[in-house]
N, C-alpha and C. Protein backbone atom coordinates (compact mmCIF):
# COMPACT_ATOMS: atom_id res chain seq x y z
N MET A 1 -270.73 -22.95 83.25
CA MET A 1 -270.47 -23.83 84.69
C MET A 1 -269.49 -24.96 83.81
N THR A 2 -268.57 -25.22 84.94
CA THR A 2 -267.61 -26.38 84.59
C THR A 2 -268.29 -27.86 84.51
N ASP A 3 -268.37 -28.65 83.24
CA ASP A 3 -268.62 -30.22 83.62
C ASP A 3 -267.69 -31.19 84.12
N THR A 4 -268.20 -31.07 85.29
CA THR A 4 -267.07 -31.91 86.02
C THR A 4 -267.01 -34.10 85.58
N SER A 5 -267.98 -33.82 84.92
CA SER A 5 -268.11 -35.13 84.47
C SER A 5 -266.71 -35.55 83.64
N THR A 6 -266.50 -34.55 82.80
CA THR A 6 -265.30 -35.14 81.41
C THR A 6 -264.07 -34.95 82.02
N PRO A 7 -264.10 -36.38 81.21
CA PRO A 7 -262.01 -36.21 81.92
C PRO A 7 -261.29 -35.49 81.49
N ASP A 8 -260.14 -35.38 81.90
CA ASP A 8 -259.77 -34.14 81.93
C ASP A 8 -258.39 -34.45 80.54
N PRO A 9 -258.84 -33.17 79.96
CA PRO A 9 -258.19 -33.72 78.38
C PRO A 9 -256.55 -33.60 78.15
N TRP A 10 -256.30 -32.72 79.11
CA TRP A 10 -254.70 -32.51 79.28
C TRP A 10 -253.73 -34.27 79.51
N HIS A 11 -254.58 -34.64 81.18
CA HIS A 11 -254.16 -35.65 81.03
C HIS A 11 -254.21 -37.25 80.50
N LEU A 12 -255.32 -36.99 79.75
CA LEU A 12 -255.82 -38.09 78.41
C LEU A 12 -255.32 -37.69 77.15
N ARG A 13 -254.82 -37.07 77.27
CA ARG A 13 -254.10 -36.36 75.60
C ARG A 13 -253.08 -37.61 75.35
N PRO A 14 -253.44 -38.37 73.79
CA PRO A 14 -252.65 -39.25 73.58
C PRO A 14 -251.31 -38.73 73.29
N PRO A 15 -250.22 -39.58 73.13
CA PRO A 15 -249.19 -39.00 73.30
C PRO A 15 -248.80 -39.50 71.69
N LEU A 16 -248.11 -38.34 70.74
CA LEU A 16 -247.81 -37.68 69.60
C LEU A 16 -247.69 -39.27 68.92
N ARG A 17 -248.47 -39.16 67.55
CA ARG A 17 -248.08 -40.52 66.60
C ARG A 17 -246.58 -40.04 65.94
N TRP A 18 -246.28 -39.15 65.79
CA TRP A 18 -244.72 -38.69 64.89
C TRP A 18 -244.21 -37.31 65.38
N ASP A 19 -243.30 -37.76 66.21
CA ASP A 19 -243.14 -36.56 67.14
C ASP A 19 -241.53 -35.81 66.59
N GLY A 20 -241.46 -36.05 65.47
CA GLY A 20 -240.32 -35.23 64.18
C GLY A 20 -239.50 -35.81 64.10
N GLY A 21 -239.33 -36.81 65.06
CA GLY A 21 -237.84 -37.70 65.26
C GLY A 21 -236.70 -36.50 65.21
N THR A 22 -235.46 -36.77 65.02
CA THR A 22 -233.82 -35.93 65.39
C THR A 22 -234.16 -35.33 64.29
N GLY A 23 -234.99 -34.79 63.31
CA GLY A 23 -234.96 -34.04 62.42
C GLY A 23 -235.86 -32.49 62.73
N PHE A 24 -236.48 -32.92 63.79
CA PHE A 24 -237.38 -31.28 64.41
C PHE A 24 -236.17 -30.77 65.03
N GLY A 25 -235.55 -30.79 65.86
CA GLY A 25 -235.03 -29.89 66.18
C GLY A 25 -234.19 -28.84 65.79
N PRO A 26 -233.22 -29.32 64.64
CA PRO A 26 -232.48 -28.53 63.50
C PRO A 26 -233.53 -27.62 62.62
N TYR A 27 -235.02 -28.36 62.15
CA TYR A 27 -235.74 -28.02 61.78
C TYR A 27 -236.18 -26.36 62.90
N ILE A 28 -236.38 -26.50 63.93
CA ILE A 28 -237.14 -25.32 64.93
C ILE A 28 -235.81 -24.34 64.71
N ASP A 29 -234.11 -24.74 64.91
CA ASP A 29 -233.24 -24.01 64.64
C ASP A 29 -233.07 -23.32 63.86
N ALA A 30 -233.19 -23.72 62.83
CA ALA A 30 -233.33 -23.17 61.44
C ALA A 30 -234.24 -21.85 61.38
N LEU A 31 -235.48 -22.33 61.84
CA LEU A 31 -236.34 -21.32 61.70
C LEU A 31 -236.51 -20.16 62.64
N ARG A 32 -235.64 -20.32 63.76
CA ARG A 32 -235.07 -19.51 65.05
C ARG A 32 -234.11 -18.73 64.32
N ASP A 33 -233.41 -19.08 63.61
CA ASP A 33 -232.28 -18.55 62.81
C ASP A 33 -232.70 -17.41 61.90
N LEU A 34 -233.57 -18.19 61.28
CA LEU A 34 -234.48 -16.80 60.11
C LEU A 34 -235.24 -15.87 60.80
N GLN A 35 -235.87 -16.34 61.79
CA GLN A 35 -236.51 -15.36 62.43
C GLN A 35 -235.74 -13.90 63.08
N ASP A 36 -234.54 -14.39 63.54
CA ASP A 36 -232.96 -13.71 63.85
C ASP A 36 -232.94 -12.83 63.02
N LEU A 37 -232.88 -13.40 61.75
CA LEU A 37 -232.05 -12.31 60.85
C LEU A 37 -233.16 -11.91 59.90
N VAL A 38 -234.25 -12.03 59.92
CA VAL A 38 -235.22 -11.08 59.67
C VAL A 38 -235.42 -9.90 60.44
N GLY A 39 -235.11 -10.05 62.29
CA GLY A 39 -235.23 -9.17 62.62
C GLY A 39 -234.04 -7.95 62.79
N SER A 40 -232.39 -8.76 62.03
CA SER A 40 -231.48 -7.79 62.21
C SER A 40 -230.97 -7.60 60.75
N THR A 41 -231.48 -7.97 59.78
CA THR A 41 -231.10 -7.16 58.21
C THR A 41 -231.44 -6.36 58.05
N ASN A 42 -230.96 -6.16 56.73
CA ASN A 42 -231.73 -4.66 56.05
C ASN A 42 -230.87 -4.88 54.16
N PRO A 43 -231.93 -6.11 53.96
CA PRO A 43 -231.77 -6.45 52.37
C PRO A 43 -232.45 -5.73 51.65
N PRO A 44 -231.01 -5.30 50.06
CA PRO A 44 -232.13 -4.74 49.42
C PRO A 44 -233.09 -5.21 48.24
N ALA A 45 -233.77 -4.71 47.70
CA ALA A 45 -234.79 -4.88 46.87
C ALA A 45 -235.36 -6.50 46.28
N ASP A 46 -233.85 -6.81 45.73
CA ASP A 46 -234.26 -7.83 44.66
C ASP A 46 -233.80 -9.03 45.76
N VAL A 47 -232.99 -8.74 46.71
CA VAL A 47 -232.96 -10.17 47.82
C VAL A 47 -234.39 -10.36 48.70
N LEU A 48 -234.69 -8.96 48.84
CA LEU A 48 -236.46 -9.37 49.68
C LEU A 48 -237.39 -10.47 48.68
N GLU A 49 -237.20 -9.92 47.66
CA GLU A 49 -238.24 -10.58 46.15
C GLU A 49 -237.94 -12.00 46.29
N ALA A 50 -236.77 -12.36 46.01
CA ALA A 50 -236.17 -13.69 46.44
C ALA A 50 -236.27 -14.62 47.63
N ALA A 51 -236.47 -13.66 48.50
CA ALA A 51 -236.43 -14.34 50.01
C ALA A 51 -237.96 -14.55 50.23
N THR A 52 -238.63 -13.52 49.74
CA THR A 52 -240.26 -13.50 50.03
C THR A 52 -240.49 -14.68 48.63
N GLN A 53 -240.15 -14.92 47.90
CA GLN A 53 -240.49 -16.00 46.80
C GLN A 53 -240.30 -17.35 47.58
N ARG A 54 -239.08 -17.35 48.35
CA ARG A 54 -238.50 -18.86 48.87
C ARG A 54 -239.44 -18.63 49.92
N VAL A 55 -239.95 -18.10 50.64
CA VAL A 55 -241.12 -17.98 52.01
C VAL A 55 -241.77 -18.68 51.73
N ALA A 56 -242.44 -18.04 50.39
CA ALA A 56 -243.74 -18.47 49.58
C ALA A 56 -243.62 -20.16 49.32
N GLU A 57 -243.11 -20.45 48.94
CA GLU A 57 -242.62 -21.70 48.38
C GLU A 57 -242.68 -22.52 49.66
N LEU A 58 -242.10 -22.17 50.74
CA LEU A 58 -241.47 -23.02 52.30
C LEU A 58 -243.42 -23.23 52.68
N THR A 59 -243.80 -22.71 52.89
CA THR A 59 -245.17 -21.90 53.14
C THR A 59 -246.20 -23.10 52.31
N GLU A 60 -246.29 -22.65 51.00
CA GLU A 60 -246.94 -23.89 50.44
C GLU A 60 -246.51 -25.66 50.65
N LEU A 61 -245.21 -26.12 50.85
CA LEU A 61 -244.73 -27.02 51.06
C LEU A 61 -245.62 -27.24 52.24
N LEU A 62 -245.23 -26.78 53.63
CA LEU A 62 -246.04 -26.96 54.66
C LEU A 62 -247.55 -27.10 54.51
N ARG A 63 -248.18 -26.39 53.89
CA ARG A 63 -249.55 -26.33 53.74
C ARG A 63 -250.09 -27.31 53.96
N GLN A 64 -249.76 -28.70 53.29
CA GLN A 64 -250.69 -29.83 52.86
C GLN A 64 -250.92 -30.63 54.56
N TYR A 65 -250.12 -30.50 55.29
CA TYR A 65 -249.63 -31.16 56.21
C TYR A 65 -250.18 -30.48 57.82
N ARG A 66 -251.06 -29.16 57.60
CA ARG A 66 -251.91 -29.08 58.81
C ARG A 66 -252.12 -30.01 59.13
N CYS A 67 -252.16 -29.79 60.40
CA CYS A 67 -253.09 -30.70 61.38
C CYS A 67 -253.84 -30.22 62.83
N GLY A 68 -254.68 -31.39 63.46
CA GLY A 68 -254.95 -30.87 64.55
C GLY A 68 -254.61 -30.81 65.81
N GLU A 69 -254.41 -30.11 66.97
CA GLU A 69 -253.94 -29.60 68.12
C GLU A 69 -253.06 -31.02 68.27
N VAL A 70 -254.39 -31.62 68.86
CA VAL A 70 -253.94 -33.50 69.22
C VAL A 70 -252.44 -34.17 68.73
N ASP A 71 -252.11 -33.55 67.08
CA ASP A 71 -251.15 -33.82 66.60
C ASP A 71 -250.04 -33.00 66.23
N LEU A 72 -250.03 -31.66 66.80
CA LEU A 72 -249.00 -30.63 66.44
C LEU A 72 -247.58 -30.85 67.74
N ILE A 73 -246.54 -30.82 67.13
CA ILE A 73 -245.26 -31.61 67.79
C ILE A 73 -244.66 -29.87 68.56
N PRO A 74 -245.10 -28.68 67.86
CA PRO A 74 -244.11 -27.53 68.61
C PRO A 74 -244.82 -27.25 70.07
N GLY A 75 -244.13 -27.04 71.15
CA GLY A 75 -244.80 -27.16 72.54
C GLY A 75 -244.41 -28.67 73.37
N ARG A 76 -244.19 -29.73 72.11
CA ARG A 76 -244.47 -30.87 73.11
C ARG A 76 -243.20 -31.81 72.97
N ARG A 77 -242.21 -31.25 72.48
CA ARG A 77 -240.56 -31.80 72.91
C ARG A 77 -240.03 -31.16 74.22
N HIS A 78 -240.41 -31.49 75.31
CA HIS A 78 -239.87 -31.76 76.29
C HIS A 78 -238.25 -31.70 76.09
N ASP A 79 -237.68 -32.20 75.61
CA ASP A 79 -236.17 -32.33 75.18
C ASP A 79 -235.54 -31.27 74.45
N LEU A 80 -235.86 -30.35 73.88
CA LEU A 80 -235.84 -29.21 72.94
C LEU A 80 -235.72 -28.00 73.66
N PRO A 81 -234.89 -27.00 73.45
CA PRO A 81 -235.25 -25.96 74.14
C PRO A 81 -236.48 -24.98 74.03
N GLY A 82 -236.92 -24.55 75.13
CA GLY A 82 -238.49 -23.79 74.46
C GLY A 82 -239.37 -24.72 73.88
N ARG A 83 -239.39 -26.40 74.51
CA ARG A 83 -240.08 -27.00 73.97
C ARG A 83 -240.52 -27.62 72.34
N GLY A 84 -239.29 -26.57 72.22
CA GLY A 84 -239.43 -26.85 70.36
C GLY A 84 -240.42 -26.33 69.89
N HIS A 85 -240.70 -24.99 70.58
CA HIS A 85 -241.97 -24.09 70.18
C HIS A 85 -241.37 -22.51 69.31
N PRO A 86 -241.72 -22.23 67.84
CA PRO A 86 -240.75 -21.21 67.75
C PRO A 86 -241.22 -19.70 68.27
N LEU A 87 -242.19 -19.86 69.07
CA LEU A 87 -242.66 -18.78 69.07
C LEU A 87 -241.71 -18.38 70.90
N LEU A 88 -241.64 -19.53 71.66
CA LEU A 88 -241.06 -19.34 72.83
C LEU A 88 -239.61 -19.26 73.22
N PRO A 89 -238.93 -17.89 73.84
CA PRO A 89 -237.44 -18.49 73.81
C PRO A 89 -237.03 -19.54 74.44
N ALA A 90 -235.93 -19.93 73.36
CA ALA A 90 -235.30 -21.17 73.84
C ALA A 90 -234.77 -21.26 74.94
N THR A 91 -235.53 -21.09 76.11
CA THR A 91 -234.88 -21.55 77.47
C THR A 91 -234.53 -23.26 77.28
N VAL A 92 -233.07 -23.53 78.35
CA VAL A 92 -232.48 -24.66 78.16
C VAL A 92 -231.93 -24.94 79.93
N TYR A 93 -232.94 -25.70 80.86
CA TYR A 93 -233.07 -26.42 82.21
C TYR A 93 -231.57 -26.78 82.54
N THR A 94 -231.17 -26.06 83.90
CA THR A 94 -229.97 -26.32 84.57
C THR A 94 -230.29 -27.01 85.71
N GLU A 95 -231.22 -27.14 86.20
CA GLU A 95 -231.44 -27.29 87.39
C GLU A 95 -233.08 -27.59 87.49
N VAL A 96 -233.49 -28.84 87.87
CA VAL A 96 -234.80 -28.93 87.94
C VAL A 96 -235.87 -29.76 89.14
N GLY A 97 -235.97 -29.09 90.00
CA GLY A 97 -236.74 -30.04 90.60
C GLY A 97 -238.28 -30.24 91.07
N ASP A 98 -238.77 -30.55 92.14
CA ASP A 98 -240.40 -30.32 92.37
C ASP A 98 -241.08 -29.08 92.64
N HIS A 99 -239.67 -27.68 93.62
CA HIS A 99 -240.27 -26.97 94.25
C HIS A 99 -239.67 -25.69 93.10
N HIS A 100 -238.45 -25.67 92.25
CA HIS A 100 -237.52 -24.68 91.86
C HIS A 100 -237.11 -25.23 90.19
N VAL A 101 -236.52 -24.33 89.46
CA VAL A 101 -236.12 -24.73 88.71
C VAL A 101 -234.88 -23.58 88.18
N VAL A 102 -234.00 -23.69 87.67
CA VAL A 102 -232.91 -22.72 86.94
C VAL A 102 -232.96 -23.00 85.43
N GLY A 103 -232.72 -21.90 84.36
CA GLY A 103 -232.82 -22.53 83.23
C GLY A 103 -231.67 -21.17 82.45
N ARG A 104 -231.42 -21.67 81.41
CA ARG A 104 -230.37 -20.59 80.39
C ARG A 104 -230.94 -19.95 79.35
N VAL A 105 -231.57 -18.71 78.79
CA VAL A 105 -232.06 -18.25 77.98
C VAL A 105 -231.24 -17.42 76.63
N ARG A 106 -231.31 -16.96 76.26
CA ARG A 106 -230.22 -15.58 75.16
C ARG A 106 -231.87 -15.07 74.14
N PHE A 107 -231.87 -14.07 74.38
CA PHE A 107 -232.80 -13.40 73.77
C PHE A 107 -231.90 -13.14 72.13
N GLY A 108 -232.56 -13.67 70.68
CA GLY A 108 -231.83 -13.21 69.78
C GLY A 108 -232.43 -12.02 69.19
N GLN A 109 -232.18 -11.81 68.19
CA GLN A 109 -232.31 -10.23 67.52
C GLN A 109 -233.71 -10.34 67.27
N TYR A 110 -234.16 -11.18 67.09
CA TYR A 110 -235.99 -11.49 66.69
C TYR A 110 -236.83 -10.41 68.07
N TYR A 111 -236.05 -11.02 69.11
CA TYR A 111 -237.23 -10.19 70.39
C TYR A 111 -236.43 -8.66 70.67
N LEU A 112 -235.92 -8.47 69.51
CA LEU A 112 -235.38 -6.68 69.73
C LEU A 112 -236.59 -5.50 69.95
N GLY A 113 -236.57 -5.11 71.12
CA GLY A 113 -237.75 -3.97 70.92
C GLY A 113 -237.15 -2.67 70.48
N GLY A 114 -235.94 -2.44 71.24
CA GLY A 114 -234.99 -1.26 71.09
C GLY A 114 -234.27 -1.37 71.40
N ASN A 115 -233.13 -0.18 71.07
CA ASN A 115 -231.88 0.13 71.42
C ASN A 115 -231.12 -0.85 72.35
N GLY A 116 -230.82 -2.26 71.56
CA GLY A 116 -230.26 -3.25 72.06
C GLY A 116 -230.79 -4.05 73.44
N ALA A 117 -232.54 -3.45 73.56
CA ALA A 117 -233.14 -4.09 74.81
C ALA A 117 -233.84 -5.22 73.79
N VAL A 118 -234.19 -6.14 74.71
CA VAL A 118 -235.33 -7.15 74.57
C VAL A 118 -236.49 -6.45 74.71
N HIS A 119 -237.40 -6.54 73.70
CA HIS A 119 -238.67 -6.40 73.57
C HIS A 119 -239.48 -6.36 75.29
N GLY A 120 -240.20 -5.71 75.89
CA GLY A 120 -240.86 -5.59 76.65
C GLY A 120 -241.96 -6.81 77.27
N GLY A 121 -242.59 -6.79 76.11
CA GLY A 121 -243.59 -7.78 75.74
C GLY A 121 -243.10 -9.61 75.98
N ALA A 122 -242.14 -9.70 75.71
CA ALA A 122 -241.27 -11.18 75.13
C ALA A 122 -241.11 -11.72 76.81
N LEU A 123 -240.62 -10.72 77.58
CA LEU A 123 -240.23 -10.75 79.18
C LEU A 123 -241.72 -11.56 79.83
N PRO A 124 -242.56 -11.17 79.83
CA PRO A 124 -243.82 -12.15 80.44
C PRO A 124 -243.98 -13.24 79.77
N LEU A 125 -243.75 -13.22 78.31
CA LEU A 125 -243.91 -14.72 78.02
C LEU A 125 -242.96 -15.54 78.50
N LEU A 126 -241.73 -15.47 78.71
CA LEU A 126 -240.75 -15.95 79.07
C LEU A 126 -241.16 -16.52 80.66
N PHE A 127 -242.08 -15.41 81.27
CA PHE A 127 -241.82 -15.98 82.44
C PHE A 127 -243.01 -16.70 82.49
N ASP A 128 -244.31 -16.43 82.10
CA ASP A 128 -245.28 -17.53 81.78
C ASP A 128 -244.66 -18.88 81.44
N GLU A 129 -243.88 -19.01 80.55
CA GLU A 129 -243.76 -20.29 80.08
C GLU A 129 -242.43 -21.04 81.31
N VAL A 130 -241.84 -20.36 81.97
CA VAL A 130 -240.86 -20.70 83.15
C VAL A 130 -241.68 -21.20 84.17
N LEU A 131 -242.47 -20.15 84.62
CA LEU A 131 -243.06 -20.34 85.87
C LEU A 131 -244.54 -21.44 85.59
N GLY A 132 -244.81 -21.69 84.57
CA GLY A 132 -246.02 -23.05 83.93
C GLY A 132 -245.37 -24.04 84.46
N HIS A 133 -243.77 -24.31 83.57
CA HIS A 133 -243.31 -25.14 83.41
C HIS A 133 -243.04 -26.02 84.58
N LEU A 134 -242.61 -25.36 85.88
CA LEU A 134 -242.33 -25.40 87.34
C LEU A 134 -243.64 -25.85 87.88
N CYS A 135 -244.66 -25.11 87.27
CA CYS A 135 -246.00 -25.19 88.13
C CYS A 135 -246.56 -26.87 88.13
N ASN A 136 -246.58 -27.50 86.75
CA ASN A 136 -246.68 -28.81 86.40
C ASN A 136 -246.16 -29.63 86.50
N LEU A 137 -244.85 -29.76 87.47
CA LEU A 137 -244.10 -30.46 87.75
C LEU A 137 -244.72 -31.47 89.20
N GLY A 138 -243.81 -32.17 89.84
CA GLY A 138 -243.81 -32.99 90.46
C GLY A 138 -245.11 -33.88 90.91
N GLY A 139 -245.79 -34.15 89.80
CA GLY A 139 -247.11 -34.89 89.59
C GLY A 139 -247.95 -33.99 89.85
N ARG A 140 -247.98 -32.55 90.12
CA ARG A 140 -249.04 -31.94 90.18
C ARG A 140 -250.03 -32.00 88.93
N LYS A 141 -251.59 -31.78 89.05
CA LYS A 141 -252.12 -31.75 87.68
C LYS A 141 -252.33 -29.95 86.90
N VAL A 142 -252.29 -30.27 85.55
CA VAL A 142 -252.24 -28.93 84.50
C VAL A 142 -252.82 -27.83 85.39
N ALA A 143 -251.94 -26.69 85.42
CA ALA A 143 -252.73 -25.56 85.72
C ALA A 143 -252.94 -24.57 84.33
N ARG A 144 -253.50 -23.29 84.95
CA ARG A 144 -253.69 -22.22 83.65
C ARG A 144 -253.12 -21.01 84.56
N THR A 145 -252.42 -20.53 83.83
CA THR A 145 -252.40 -19.05 84.61
C THR A 145 -253.57 -18.18 85.00
N ALA A 146 -253.61 -17.51 85.69
CA ALA A 146 -254.33 -17.00 86.82
C ALA A 146 -253.77 -15.39 86.72
N TYR A 147 -253.06 -15.37 86.87
CA TYR A 147 -252.14 -13.20 87.27
C TYR A 147 -250.62 -13.57 87.04
N LEU A 148 -250.08 -12.75 86.06
CA LEU A 148 -248.79 -12.74 86.07
C LEU A 148 -248.48 -11.29 86.15
N HIS A 149 -247.60 -11.14 87.37
CA HIS A 149 -246.76 -9.59 87.22
C HIS A 149 -245.77 -9.33 86.87
N VAL A 150 -245.00 -8.42 86.20
CA VAL A 150 -243.82 -8.51 85.94
C VAL A 150 -243.36 -7.02 86.24
N ASN A 151 -241.96 -6.83 87.07
CA ASN A 151 -241.30 -6.03 87.55
C ASN A 151 -239.88 -5.73 86.39
N TYR A 152 -240.11 -4.45 85.49
CA TYR A 152 -239.09 -4.42 84.66
C TYR A 152 -238.05 -3.56 85.84
N ARG A 153 -237.33 -4.37 85.92
CA ARG A 153 -235.94 -3.73 86.52
C ARG A 153 -234.61 -2.87 86.09
N SER A 154 -234.02 -3.47 84.99
CA SER A 154 -232.99 -3.15 83.94
C SER A 154 -233.72 -3.28 83.10
N ILE A 155 -232.78 -2.91 81.85
CA ILE A 155 -232.71 -3.16 80.54
C ILE A 155 -232.35 -5.05 80.69
N THR A 156 -232.96 -5.73 79.33
CA THR A 156 -232.82 -6.91 79.39
C THR A 156 -231.89 -6.62 77.73
N PRO A 157 -230.79 -7.19 78.10
CA PRO A 157 -230.11 -7.50 76.63
C PRO A 157 -230.26 -8.35 75.85
N VAL A 158 -230.21 -8.03 74.54
CA VAL A 158 -230.10 -8.98 72.94
C VAL A 158 -229.19 -9.11 73.20
N ASP A 159 -228.96 -10.83 72.74
CA ASP A 159 -227.61 -11.59 72.43
C ASP A 159 -227.00 -11.76 73.59
N ALA A 160 -227.41 -11.87 74.66
CA ALA A 160 -226.35 -12.15 75.93
C ALA A 160 -227.25 -13.60 76.44
N ASP A 161 -226.26 -13.81 77.08
CA ASP A 161 -226.38 -15.08 78.26
C ASP A 161 -227.19 -14.67 79.56
N LEU A 162 -228.52 -15.12 79.59
CA LEU A 162 -229.02 -14.96 80.94
C LEU A 162 -229.34 -16.25 81.78
N VAL A 163 -229.68 -15.80 82.52
CA VAL A 163 -229.76 -16.77 83.42
C VAL A 163 -231.59 -16.73 84.55
N ILE A 164 -232.18 -17.85 84.72
CA ILE A 164 -234.07 -17.53 85.04
C ILE A 164 -234.26 -18.25 86.28
N HIS A 165 -234.76 -18.01 86.90
CA HIS A 165 -234.72 -18.89 88.48
C HIS A 165 -236.45 -18.49 88.64
N ALA A 166 -236.81 -19.81 89.10
CA ALA A 166 -238.48 -19.42 89.15
C ALA A 166 -238.19 -20.83 90.50
N ARG A 167 -239.18 -20.34 91.42
CA ARG A 167 -239.64 -21.06 93.22
C ARG A 167 -241.33 -21.08 93.07
N ILE A 168 -241.73 -22.44 93.59
CA ILE A 168 -242.79 -22.24 94.17
C ILE A 168 -243.07 -22.19 95.25
N GLU A 169 -243.44 -20.79 95.84
CA GLU A 169 -243.79 -20.08 97.71
C GLU A 169 -244.54 -20.53 98.00
N ARG A 170 -245.54 -21.29 97.53
CA ARG A 170 -246.54 -21.67 98.22
C ARG A 170 -247.75 -22.57 97.50
N GLU A 171 -248.80 -23.56 98.01
CA GLU A 171 -249.82 -24.14 97.37
C GLU A 171 -250.81 -24.02 98.87
N GLU A 172 -251.74 -23.41 97.95
CA GLU A 172 -252.89 -23.43 98.77
C GLU A 172 -254.66 -23.73 97.50
N GLY A 173 -254.67 -25.71 98.03
CA GLY A 173 -255.38 -25.88 97.24
C GLY A 173 -254.72 -25.51 96.08
N ARG A 174 -255.88 -25.50 94.93
CA ARG A 174 -255.33 -26.13 94.08
C ARG A 174 -254.29 -24.64 93.35
N LYS A 175 -254.59 -23.51 94.24
CA LYS A 175 -253.49 -22.04 93.65
C LYS A 175 -252.57 -22.83 93.78
N ARG A 176 -251.39 -21.90 93.46
CA ARG A 176 -249.81 -21.94 93.28
C ARG A 176 -249.37 -20.75 92.97
N PHE A 177 -248.85 -20.17 93.99
CA PHE A 177 -247.88 -19.18 93.90
C PHE A 177 -246.50 -19.24 93.57
N ILE A 178 -245.91 -18.31 92.48
CA ILE A 178 -244.89 -19.14 92.01
C ILE A 178 -244.20 -17.45 91.41
N THR A 179 -242.95 -17.48 92.04
CA THR A 179 -242.04 -16.10 91.73
C THR A 179 -240.70 -16.41 90.65
N GLY A 180 -240.27 -15.64 89.91
CA GLY A 180 -239.07 -16.04 89.50
C GLY A 180 -238.44 -14.48 89.47
N ARG A 181 -236.90 -14.87 88.82
CA ARG A 181 -236.28 -13.99 88.37
C ARG A 181 -235.30 -13.63 86.95
N LEU A 182 -235.16 -12.64 86.84
CA LEU A 182 -234.37 -13.22 85.02
C LEU A 182 -232.96 -12.37 85.86
N LEU A 183 -231.36 -12.68 85.59
CA LEU A 183 -230.42 -11.99 85.42
C LEU A 183 -229.48 -12.12 84.59
N HIS A 184 -228.91 -10.90 84.26
CA HIS A 184 -227.79 -10.77 83.27
C HIS A 184 -226.49 -10.66 83.75
N GLY A 185 -225.70 -12.13 84.38
CA GLY A 185 -224.73 -11.92 85.38
C GLY A 185 -225.37 -11.55 86.70
N ASP A 186 -224.45 -10.42 87.20
CA ASP A 186 -224.94 -9.71 88.45
C ASP A 186 -226.39 -9.09 88.77
N THR A 187 -226.94 -8.72 87.08
CA THR A 187 -227.72 -7.63 87.29
C THR A 187 -228.91 -8.10 87.52
N LEU A 188 -230.00 -7.98 87.80
CA LEU A 188 -231.63 -8.13 87.75
C LEU A 188 -232.27 -7.78 86.97
N CYS A 189 -232.62 -8.30 86.38
CA CYS A 189 -233.09 -7.65 84.77
C CYS A 189 -234.72 -7.29 85.13
N SER A 190 -234.95 -8.59 85.33
CA SER A 190 -236.16 -8.91 85.58
C SER A 190 -237.03 -9.67 86.75
N ASP A 191 -237.63 -9.57 87.21
CA ASP A 191 -238.61 -10.42 88.11
C ASP A 191 -240.29 -10.45 88.33
N ALA A 192 -240.83 -11.45 88.64
CA ALA A 192 -242.14 -11.98 88.35
C ALA A 192 -242.58 -12.33 89.45
N GLU A 193 -244.16 -12.54 89.91
CA GLU A 193 -245.05 -13.34 90.15
C GLU A 193 -245.97 -13.86 90.15
N GLY A 194 -246.52 -14.62 90.06
CA GLY A 194 -247.93 -15.38 89.38
C GLY A 194 -248.19 -16.27 90.38
N LEU A 195 -249.45 -16.26 89.63
CA LEU A 195 -250.62 -17.04 90.25
C LEU A 195 -251.16 -18.35 89.54
N PHE A 196 -251.47 -19.69 89.99
CA PHE A 196 -251.70 -20.71 88.54
C PHE A 196 -252.47 -21.38 89.26
N VAL A 197 -253.70 -21.44 88.58
CA VAL A 197 -254.50 -22.47 89.05
C VAL A 197 -254.77 -24.13 88.57
N GLY A 198 -254.79 -25.08 89.38
CA GLY A 198 -255.08 -26.65 88.55
C GLY A 198 -256.53 -26.45 88.26
N LEU A 199 -256.71 -27.35 86.78
CA LEU A 199 -257.53 -27.04 86.14
C LEU A 199 -258.33 -28.54 87.05
N LEU A 200 -259.80 -28.54 87.03
CA LEU A 200 -260.92 -29.02 87.66
C LEU A 200 -260.82 -30.21 86.23
N PRO A 201 -261.49 -31.22 86.36
CA PRO A 201 -261.90 -32.26 85.16
C PRO A 201 -263.16 -31.81 84.21
N GLY A 202 -262.59 -31.35 83.41
CA GLY A 202 -263.62 -30.88 81.83
C GLY A 202 -263.09 -29.48 81.88
N GLN A 203 -262.38 -28.77 82.91
CA GLN A 203 -261.58 -27.79 82.24
C GLN A 203 -260.89 -27.28 81.17
N PRO A 204 -261.00 -26.87 80.29
CA PRO A 204 -260.28 -27.00 78.68
C PRO A 204 -258.83 -25.78 79.28
């Protein structure tokens, strides 16, 4: 049973004490570049050994700064592509309204599934992020995904400029019905429909 006496933790979450400043964007860009290179290179054994050592050194450098969710920067830098989260495709919004958004996105080799196509599992990730972003605009209370259906209409190419559209079709109480489309030029790569439900006070 939901504890409706507990304040909504999403709306009462304190601002970040440190948001990474101007250095956080380049940090995430460098990490994304590394991810793409890991997914698109075939290094010899000595290079693999050297790279492994350097990644291990970076891991140890960062380990001492592990923190709780309230202080995490990834996902909370809305001024950066993909909210500054290394897992999310680096979407840049070109139109933002209370009931629609349009964005640009480009999947690097990190997201390659095979034969030049983006991995099929990356597309629901993109739609969930963009539709969810729209869902929470316009002063609406934070919602979670209840249902997401993705149709694969054609191959989504890696290393190509894509455009994504999302629109709120209707709202019924806490329910928000949202659709989205991903295009490569005039070609429809995929579309989606989702149901997002606003959280009650105390729901995680």
